[in-house]
Amino acid sequence: MTATITETETETETATPVRPLTTHEADALVAAVRRAAEEQGVRIAVSVLDAGGHPLAFRRDDRAVLIAGETSTRKAFTALQLDAPTADVVDAVQPGGLFHTLPTALDRPLLFIAGGVPLHRDGRLVGAIGVGGGAPEQDHRFAVSAIEAVLGG
């Protein structure tokens, strides 16, 4: 038995390949975050994950609080899973929010604090970056500035 693919199915199922996030780009993102944080005198940790949630790069400054390493990774994972900056979903998980139960719904803990940002190439999700150690707004700014500097926005 053979399957027949209609013209409409072929058009919608044909996807243009998108180059995955590279370790070189991940290292450049880490360096850009560190530069931005150093300019502000903030000690941070930064994690970069590929589209499958696997670590591509990680760095924790010597004097960053120890938990910053874990929070940076969880922020990146959360941004990746939701394909949204963690800063944009903080209110949705508060009591009465649309996703109030989401933080406890998965085996791997999500973290709804600003500082996680998904990474896109040609409109497709290719990974995520997470920054921890500063104030949430600072962490978000550091991540966004690194993305703009390395990936162009």
N, C-alpha and C. Protein backbone atom coordinates (compact mmCIF):
# COMPACT_ATOMS: atom_id res chain seq x y z
N MET A 1 0.85 -1.17 0.00
CA MET A 1 0.00 0.00 0.00
C MET A 1 0.90 1.24 0.00
N THR A 2 0.61 2.17 -0.87
CA THR A 2 1.40 3.40 -0.94
C THR A 2 0.54 4.57 -0.54
N ALA A 3 1.18 5.55 0.03
CA ALA A 3 0.47 6.77 0.45
C ALA A 3 0.56 7.79 -0.68
N THR A 4 -0.48 8.52 -0.83
CA THR A 4 -0.50 9.58 -1.83
C THR A 4 -0.48 10.92 -1.12
N ILE A 5 0.42 11.77 -1.52
CA ILE A 5 0.52 13.10 -0.92
C ILE A 5 -0.05 14.09 -1.91
N THR A 6 -0.99 14.86 -1.44
CA THR A 6 -1.58 15.87 -2.30
C THR A 6 -0.67 17.08 -2.37
N GLU A 7 -0.93 17.95 -3.34
CA GLU A 7 -0.13 19.16 -3.51
C GLU A 7 -0.19 20.03 -2.25
N THR A 8 -1.36 20.14 -1.63
CA THR A 8 -1.52 20.96 -0.44
C THR A 8 -0.68 20.40 0.71
N GLU A 9 -0.68 19.09 0.88
CA GLU A 9 0.11 18.48 1.95
C GLU A 9 1.59 18.72 1.72
N THR A 10 2.04 18.63 0.50
CA THR A 10 3.45 18.83 0.18
C THR A 10 3.88 20.25 0.53
N GLU A 11 3.05 21.21 0.21
CA GLU A 11 3.39 22.61 0.48
C GLU A 11 3.48 22.88 1.97
N THR A 12 2.57 22.33 2.76
CA THR A 12 2.57 22.63 4.19
C THR A 12 3.59 21.81 4.95
N GLU A 13 3.96 20.64 4.46
CA GLU A 13 4.88 19.80 5.19
C GLU A 13 6.34 20.04 4.80
N THR A 14 6.58 20.71 3.71
CA THR A 14 7.95 20.98 3.30
C THR A 14 8.46 22.15 4.13
N ALA A 15 9.51 21.89 4.87
CA ALA A 15 10.07 22.94 5.71
C ALA A 15 11.49 23.26 5.25
N THR A 16 11.80 24.52 5.25
CA THR A 16 13.15 24.94 4.92
C THR A 16 14.01 24.69 6.15
N PRO A 17 15.11 23.98 6.01
CA PRO A 17 15.97 23.72 7.16
C PRO A 17 16.52 25.03 7.73
N VAL A 18 16.60 25.06 9.03
CA VAL A 18 17.17 26.21 9.72
C VAL A 18 18.43 25.74 10.43
N ARG A 19 19.49 26.50 10.25
CA ARG A 19 20.77 26.16 10.87
C ARG A 19 20.62 26.19 12.39
N PRO A 20 21.03 25.12 13.08
CA PRO A 20 20.91 25.10 14.54
C PRO A 20 21.87 26.09 15.20
N LEU A 21 21.61 26.38 16.43
CA LEU A 21 22.50 27.22 17.23
C LEU A 21 23.82 26.46 17.41
N THR A 22 24.92 27.15 17.21
CA THR A 22 26.23 26.50 17.31
C THR A 22 26.88 26.78 18.66
N THR A 23 27.87 25.97 19.00
CA THR A 23 28.61 26.22 20.24
C THR A 23 29.38 27.53 20.14
N HIS A 24 29.83 27.88 18.94
CA HIS A 24 30.51 29.16 18.75
C HIS A 24 29.57 30.32 19.10
N GLU A 25 28.33 30.26 18.61
CA GLU A 25 27.35 31.30 18.92
C GLU A 25 27.01 31.29 20.41
N ALA A 26 26.89 30.10 21.00
CA ALA A 26 26.58 30.00 22.42
C ALA A 26 27.69 30.65 23.25
N ASP A 27 28.94 30.36 22.90
CA ASP A 27 30.07 30.98 23.61
C ASP A 27 30.07 32.49 23.44
N ALA A 28 29.73 32.97 22.24
CA ALA A 28 29.66 34.41 21.99
C ALA A 28 28.54 35.05 22.82
N LEU A 29 27.41 34.36 22.95
CA LEU A 29 26.31 34.87 23.79
C LEU A 29 26.76 34.98 25.24
N VAL A 30 27.45 33.96 25.74
CA VAL A 30 27.95 33.99 27.12
C VAL A 30 28.90 35.18 27.30
N ALA A 31 29.81 35.37 26.37
CA ALA A 31 30.77 36.48 26.47
C ALA A 31 30.06 37.82 26.44
N ALA A 32 29.04 37.96 25.59
CA ALA A 32 28.31 39.23 25.50
C ALA A 32 27.54 39.51 26.79
N VAL A 33 26.94 38.50 27.38
CA VAL A 33 26.24 38.69 28.66
C VAL A 33 27.23 39.10 29.73
N ARG A 34 28.35 38.43 29.78
CA ARG A 34 29.35 38.75 30.80
C ARG A 34 29.84 40.19 30.67
N ARG A 35 30.07 40.64 29.43
CA ARG A 35 30.51 42.03 29.22
C ARG A 35 29.46 43.01 29.73
N ALA A 36 28.20 42.76 29.37
CA ALA A 36 27.12 43.66 29.79
C ALA A 36 26.98 43.67 31.31
N ALA A 37 27.10 42.52 31.94
CA ALA A 37 26.98 42.44 33.40
C ALA A 37 28.17 43.11 34.08
N GLU A 38 29.37 42.92 33.55
CA GLU A 38 30.56 43.54 34.13
C GLU A 38 30.46 45.06 34.09
N GLU A 39 29.90 45.60 33.00
CA GLU A 39 29.72 47.06 32.89
C GLU A 39 28.83 47.59 34.01
N GLN A 40 27.90 46.76 34.48
CA GLN A 40 26.98 47.14 35.55
C GLN A 40 27.48 46.71 36.93
N GLY A 41 28.61 46.00 36.97
CA GLY A 41 29.15 45.52 38.23
C GLY A 41 28.34 44.37 38.82
N VAL A 42 27.69 43.58 37.97
CA VAL A 42 26.84 42.49 38.43
C VAL A 42 27.52 41.16 38.14
N ARG A 43 27.54 40.29 39.12
CA ARG A 43 28.10 38.94 38.98
C ARG A 43 26.96 38.01 38.58
N ILE A 44 27.12 37.31 37.48
CA ILE A 44 26.02 36.51 36.94
C ILE A 44 26.46 35.10 36.58
N ALA A 45 25.46 34.30 36.26
CA ALA A 45 25.65 33.01 35.61
C ALA A 45 24.81 33.06 34.35
N VAL A 46 25.28 32.40 33.30
CA VAL A 46 24.54 32.38 32.03
C VAL A 46 24.56 30.96 31.47
N SER A 47 23.40 30.53 30.99
CA SER A 47 23.25 29.22 30.37
C SER A 47 22.67 29.39 28.98
N VAL A 48 23.19 28.62 28.02
CA VAL A 48 22.64 28.62 26.67
C VAL A 48 22.29 27.17 26.33
N LEU A 49 21.04 26.95 25.92
CA LEU A 49 20.54 25.63 25.56
C LEU A 49 20.22 25.57 24.08
N ASP A 50 20.35 24.38 23.49
CA ASP A 50 19.93 24.21 22.10
C ASP A 50 18.42 23.96 22.06
N ALA A 51 17.87 23.75 20.89
CA ALA A 51 16.42 23.60 20.74
C ALA A 51 15.88 22.38 21.46
N GLY A 52 16.72 21.40 21.76
CA GLY A 52 16.30 20.21 22.48
C GLY A 52 16.44 20.34 23.99
N GLY A 53 16.90 21.50 24.45
CA GLY A 53 17.08 21.73 25.88
C GLY A 53 18.41 21.24 26.41
N HIS A 54 19.34 20.92 25.51
CA HIS A 54 20.66 20.44 25.92
C HIS A 54 21.61 21.62 26.08
N PRO A 55 22.47 21.59 27.09
CA PRO A 55 23.40 22.70 27.31
C PRO A 55 24.44 22.82 26.19
N LEU A 56 24.60 24.05 25.72
CA LEU A 56 25.66 24.35 24.75
C LEU A 56 26.78 25.16 25.41
N ALA A 57 26.42 26.00 26.39
CA ALA A 57 27.42 26.82 27.06
C ALA A 57 26.89 27.22 28.44
N PHE A 58 27.82 27.35 29.38
CA PHE A 58 27.48 27.77 30.74
C PHE A 58 28.69 28.46 31.34
N ARG A 59 28.41 29.49 32.12
CA ARG A 59 29.49 30.18 32.84
C ARG A 59 28.89 30.86 34.06
N ARG A 60 29.53 30.66 35.21
CA ARG A 60 29.16 31.38 36.44
C ARG A 60 30.36 32.16 36.89
N ASP A 61 30.17 33.47 37.07
CA ASP A 61 31.26 34.30 37.56
C ASP A 61 31.68 33.81 38.95
N ASP A 62 32.95 33.95 39.25
CA ASP A 62 33.49 33.46 40.53
C ASP A 62 32.71 33.94 41.74
N ARG A 63 32.30 35.17 41.72
CA ARG A 63 31.64 35.74 42.90
C ARG A 63 30.13 35.81 42.77
N ALA A 64 29.57 35.20 41.74
CA ALA A 64 28.11 35.16 41.60
C ALA A 64 27.55 34.24 42.68
N VAL A 65 26.37 34.54 43.15
CA VAL A 65 25.75 33.67 44.14
C VAL A 65 25.61 32.28 43.53
N LEU A 66 25.80 31.26 44.33
CA LEU A 66 25.81 29.89 43.82
C LEU A 66 24.52 29.50 43.12
N ILE A 67 23.40 29.96 43.63
CA ILE A 67 22.12 29.59 43.03
C ILE A 67 21.93 30.19 41.63
N ALA A 68 22.73 31.17 41.27
CA ALA A 68 22.60 31.80 39.95
C ALA A 68 22.80 30.79 38.83
N GLY A 69 23.65 29.80 39.05
CA GLY A 69 23.86 28.78 38.02
C GLY A 69 22.59 27.99 37.76
N GLU A 70 21.91 27.59 38.80
CA GLU A 70 20.67 26.83 38.65
C GLU A 70 19.56 27.71 38.07
N THR A 71 19.46 28.94 38.56
CA THR A 71 18.38 29.80 38.05
C THR A 71 18.59 30.14 36.58
N SER A 72 19.84 30.33 36.16
CA SER A 72 20.06 30.65 34.74
C SER A 72 19.62 29.50 33.85
N THR A 73 19.91 28.29 34.27
CA THR A 73 19.53 27.12 33.47
C THR A 73 18.02 26.93 33.46
N ARG A 74 17.39 27.10 34.59
CA ARG A 74 15.93 26.94 34.64
C ARG A 74 15.21 28.04 33.87
N LYS A 75 15.73 29.25 33.90
CA LYS A 75 15.13 30.33 33.11
C LYS A 75 15.24 30.02 31.62
N ALA A 76 16.41 29.54 31.19
CA ALA A 76 16.58 29.19 29.78
C ALA A 76 15.62 28.07 29.39
N PHE A 77 15.50 27.04 30.22
CA PHE A 77 14.62 25.92 29.93
C PHE A 77 13.16 26.37 29.85
N THR A 78 12.76 27.24 30.76
CA THR A 78 11.39 27.75 30.76
C THR A 78 11.11 28.54 29.49
N ALA A 79 12.02 29.42 29.12
CA ALA A 79 11.85 30.22 27.90
C ALA A 79 11.77 29.30 26.68
N LEU A 80 12.57 28.25 26.66
CA LEU A 80 12.56 27.30 25.55
C LEU A 80 11.23 26.55 25.49
N GLN A 81 10.76 26.03 26.61
CA GLN A 81 9.53 25.25 26.63
C GLN A 81 8.31 26.07 26.24
N LEU A 82 8.29 27.33 26.64
CA LEU A 82 7.13 28.19 26.35
C LEU A 82 7.33 29.04 25.11
N ASP A 83 8.55 29.04 24.56
CA ASP A 83 8.89 29.89 23.43
C ASP A 83 8.47 31.33 23.71
N ALA A 84 8.83 31.77 24.91
CA ALA A 84 8.49 33.13 25.35
C ALA A 84 9.50 33.57 26.40
N PRO A 85 9.83 34.86 26.43
CA PRO A 85 10.68 35.35 27.50
C PRO A 85 10.02 35.13 28.85
N THR A 86 10.79 34.72 29.82
CA THR A 86 10.21 34.49 31.15
C THR A 86 9.64 35.78 31.72
N ALA A 87 10.18 36.92 31.34
CA ALA A 87 9.64 38.20 31.81
C ALA A 87 8.20 38.39 31.38
N ASP A 88 7.81 37.77 30.26
CA ASP A 88 6.46 37.94 29.73
C ASP A 88 5.43 37.03 30.37
N VAL A 89 5.86 36.04 31.13
CA VAL A 89 4.91 35.07 31.67
C VAL A 89 4.82 35.08 33.19
N VAL A 90 5.53 35.98 33.83
CA VAL A 90 5.53 36.04 35.30
C VAL A 90 4.11 36.21 35.84
N ASP A 91 3.34 37.13 35.29
CA ASP A 91 1.99 37.37 35.79
C ASP A 91 1.04 36.19 35.54
N ALA A 92 1.28 35.43 34.49
CA ALA A 92 0.38 34.33 34.13
C ALA A 92 0.43 33.18 35.13
N VAL A 93 1.50 33.07 35.93
CA VAL A 93 1.59 31.97 36.89
C VAL A 93 1.25 32.40 38.32
N GLN A 94 0.86 33.64 38.48
CA GLN A 94 0.45 34.11 39.80
C GLN A 94 -0.93 33.55 40.12
N PRO A 95 -1.31 33.49 41.40
CA PRO A 95 -2.65 33.01 41.75
C PRO A 95 -3.72 33.74 40.93
N GLY A 96 -4.59 32.96 40.31
CA GLY A 96 -5.63 33.52 39.46
C GLY A 96 -5.19 33.70 38.02
N GLY A 97 -3.90 33.52 37.73
CA GLY A 97 -3.39 33.67 36.38
C GLY A 97 -3.73 32.47 35.51
N LEU A 98 -3.65 32.67 34.21
CA LEU A 98 -3.98 31.65 33.24
C LEU A 98 -3.20 30.35 33.43
N PHE A 99 -1.93 30.46 33.80
CA PHE A 99 -1.07 29.28 33.98
C PHE A 99 -0.66 29.07 35.43
N HIS A 100 -1.54 29.36 36.35
CA HIS A 100 -1.24 29.30 37.78
C HIS A 100 -0.61 27.96 38.20
N THR A 101 -1.07 26.84 37.65
CA THR A 101 -0.57 25.53 38.06
C THR A 101 0.62 25.05 37.24
N LEU A 102 1.00 25.77 36.23
CA LEU A 102 2.08 25.33 35.35
C LEU A 102 3.42 25.08 36.07
N PRO A 103 3.82 25.89 37.05
CA PRO A 103 5.12 25.65 37.68
C PRO A 103 5.26 24.27 38.31
N THR A 104 4.18 23.63 38.66
CA THR A 104 4.26 22.31 39.30
C THR A 104 3.78 21.18 38.38
N ALA A 105 3.50 21.48 37.12
CA ALA A 105 2.91 20.49 36.23
C ALA A 105 3.93 19.56 35.57
N LEU A 106 5.19 19.92 35.55
CA LEU A 106 6.20 19.13 34.85
C LEU A 106 7.20 18.53 35.82
N ASP A 107 7.87 17.49 35.38
CA ASP A 107 8.91 16.87 36.21
C ASP A 107 10.10 17.81 36.40
N ARG A 108 10.50 18.47 35.31
CA ARG A 108 11.63 19.40 35.40
C ARG A 108 11.10 20.77 35.77
N PRO A 109 11.58 21.34 36.86
CA PRO A 109 11.03 22.62 37.33
C PRO A 109 11.27 23.77 36.36
N LEU A 110 10.22 24.55 36.19
CA LEU A 110 10.30 25.78 35.41
C LEU A 110 10.54 26.92 36.38
N LEU A 111 11.03 28.04 35.87
CA LEU A 111 11.29 29.19 36.72
C LEU A 111 10.75 30.44 36.05
N PHE A 112 9.78 31.04 36.68
CA PHE A 112 9.09 32.19 36.10
C PHE A 112 9.59 33.49 36.71
N ILE A 113 10.85 33.78 36.42
CA ILE A 113 11.50 35.01 36.82
C ILE A 113 12.19 35.55 35.58
N ALA A 114 12.13 36.84 35.36
CA ALA A 114 12.75 37.44 34.17
C ALA A 114 14.22 37.05 34.08
N GLY A 115 14.67 36.81 32.84
CA GLY A 115 16.06 36.46 32.59
C GLY A 115 16.22 35.33 31.60
N GLY A 116 15.12 34.69 31.20
CA GLY A 116 15.17 33.64 30.19
C GLY A 116 14.56 34.15 28.90
N VAL A 117 15.23 33.92 27.77
CA VAL A 117 14.75 34.42 26.48
C VAL A 117 14.98 33.34 25.41
N PRO A 118 13.94 33.02 24.63
CA PRO A 118 14.13 32.05 23.54
C PRO A 118 14.97 32.65 22.43
N LEU A 119 15.64 31.79 21.68
CA LEU A 119 16.49 32.22 20.57
C LEU A 119 15.88 31.71 19.27
N HIS A 120 15.75 32.61 18.30
CA HIS A 120 15.14 32.26 17.02
C HIS A 120 16.08 32.56 15.86
N ARG A 121 15.95 31.76 14.82
CA ARG A 121 16.65 32.01 13.57
C ARG A 121 15.61 31.80 12.47
N ASP A 122 15.45 32.77 11.61
CA ASP A 122 14.47 32.68 10.52
C ASP A 122 13.08 32.31 11.05
N GLY A 123 12.73 32.87 12.21
CA GLY A 123 11.41 32.64 12.79
C GLY A 123 11.24 31.30 13.48
N ARG A 124 12.28 30.51 13.56
CA ARG A 124 12.20 29.18 14.19
C ARG A 124 13.00 29.16 15.49
N LEU A 125 12.47 28.46 16.47
CA LEU A 125 13.12 28.32 17.77
C LEU A 125 14.36 27.45 17.64
N VAL A 126 15.53 27.99 18.03
CA VAL A 126 16.77 27.23 17.93
C VAL A 126 17.46 27.05 19.28
N GLY A 127 16.90 27.63 20.34
CA GLY A 127 17.51 27.50 21.66
C GLY A 127 16.98 28.56 22.59
N ALA A 128 17.68 28.72 23.71
CA ALA A 128 17.30 29.73 24.70
C ALA A 128 18.52 30.10 25.53
N ILE A 129 18.44 31.29 26.10
CA ILE A 129 19.48 31.78 26.98
C ILE A 129 18.84 32.14 28.31
N GLY A 130 19.55 31.88 29.39
CA GLY A 130 19.08 32.26 30.71
C GLY A 130 20.19 32.94 31.48
N VAL A 131 19.83 33.99 32.19
CA VAL A 131 20.80 34.74 33.00
C VAL A 131 20.27 34.81 34.42
N GLY A 132 21.13 34.56 35.40
CA GLY A 132 20.77 34.65 36.80
C GLY A 132 21.86 35.35 37.57
N GLY A 133 21.50 35.95 38.68
CA GLY A 133 22.48 36.58 39.55
C GLY A 133 22.23 38.05 39.80
N GLY A 134 21.62 38.72 38.84
CA GLY A 134 21.27 40.12 39.02
C GLY A 134 19.80 40.24 39.41
N ALA A 135 19.31 41.46 39.44
CA ALA A 135 17.86 41.65 39.60
C ALA A 135 17.20 41.09 38.34
N PRO A 136 15.99 40.56 38.43
CA PRO A 136 15.35 39.98 37.25
C PRO A 136 15.36 40.89 36.02
N GLU A 137 15.10 42.17 36.20
CA GLU A 137 15.08 43.09 35.07
C GLU A 137 16.47 43.21 34.46
N GLN A 138 17.50 43.20 35.29
CA GLN A 138 18.88 43.25 34.79
C GLN A 138 19.19 41.99 33.99
N ASP A 139 18.84 40.84 34.55
CA ASP A 139 19.11 39.58 33.88
C ASP A 139 18.46 39.56 32.49
N HIS A 140 17.23 40.03 32.40
CA HIS A 140 16.52 40.08 31.12
C HIS A 140 17.25 41.01 30.15
N ARG A 141 17.64 42.20 30.62
CA ARG A 141 18.35 43.16 29.78
C ARG A 141 19.67 42.59 29.27
N PHE A 142 20.41 41.90 30.14
CA PHE A 142 21.69 41.31 29.74
C PHE A 142 21.46 40.27 28.63
N ALA A 143 20.44 39.44 28.79
CA ALA A 143 20.15 38.40 27.79
C ALA A 143 19.76 39.03 26.46
N VAL A 144 18.88 40.01 26.50
CA VAL A 144 18.42 40.66 25.26
C VAL A 144 19.57 41.38 24.56
N SER A 145 20.41 42.06 25.32
CA SER A 145 21.52 42.78 24.69
C SER A 145 22.50 41.81 24.05
N ALA A 146 22.71 40.65 24.66
CA ALA A 146 23.60 39.65 24.08
C ALA A 146 23.02 39.09 22.79
N ILE A 147 21.72 38.83 22.79
CA ILE A 147 21.07 38.32 21.58
C ILE A 147 21.20 39.31 20.44
N GLU A 148 20.96 40.59 20.73
CA GLU A 148 21.08 41.61 19.71
C GLU A 148 22.50 41.70 19.17
N ALA A 149 23.49 41.59 20.07
CA ALA A 149 24.88 41.71 19.66
C ALA A 149 25.36 40.51 18.85
N VAL A 150 24.92 39.32 19.21
CA VAL A 150 25.44 38.10 18.57
C VAL A 150 24.57 37.60 17.43
N LEU A 151 23.27 37.60 17.64
CA LEU A 151 22.37 37.03 16.63
C LEU A 151 21.59 38.09 15.86
N GLY A 152 21.77 39.34 16.25
CA GLY A 152 21.11 40.42 15.55
C GLY A 152 19.65 40.60 15.91
N GLY A 153 19.28 40.26 17.10
CA GLY A 153 17.90 40.51 17.52
C GLY A 153 17.18 39.29 17.69
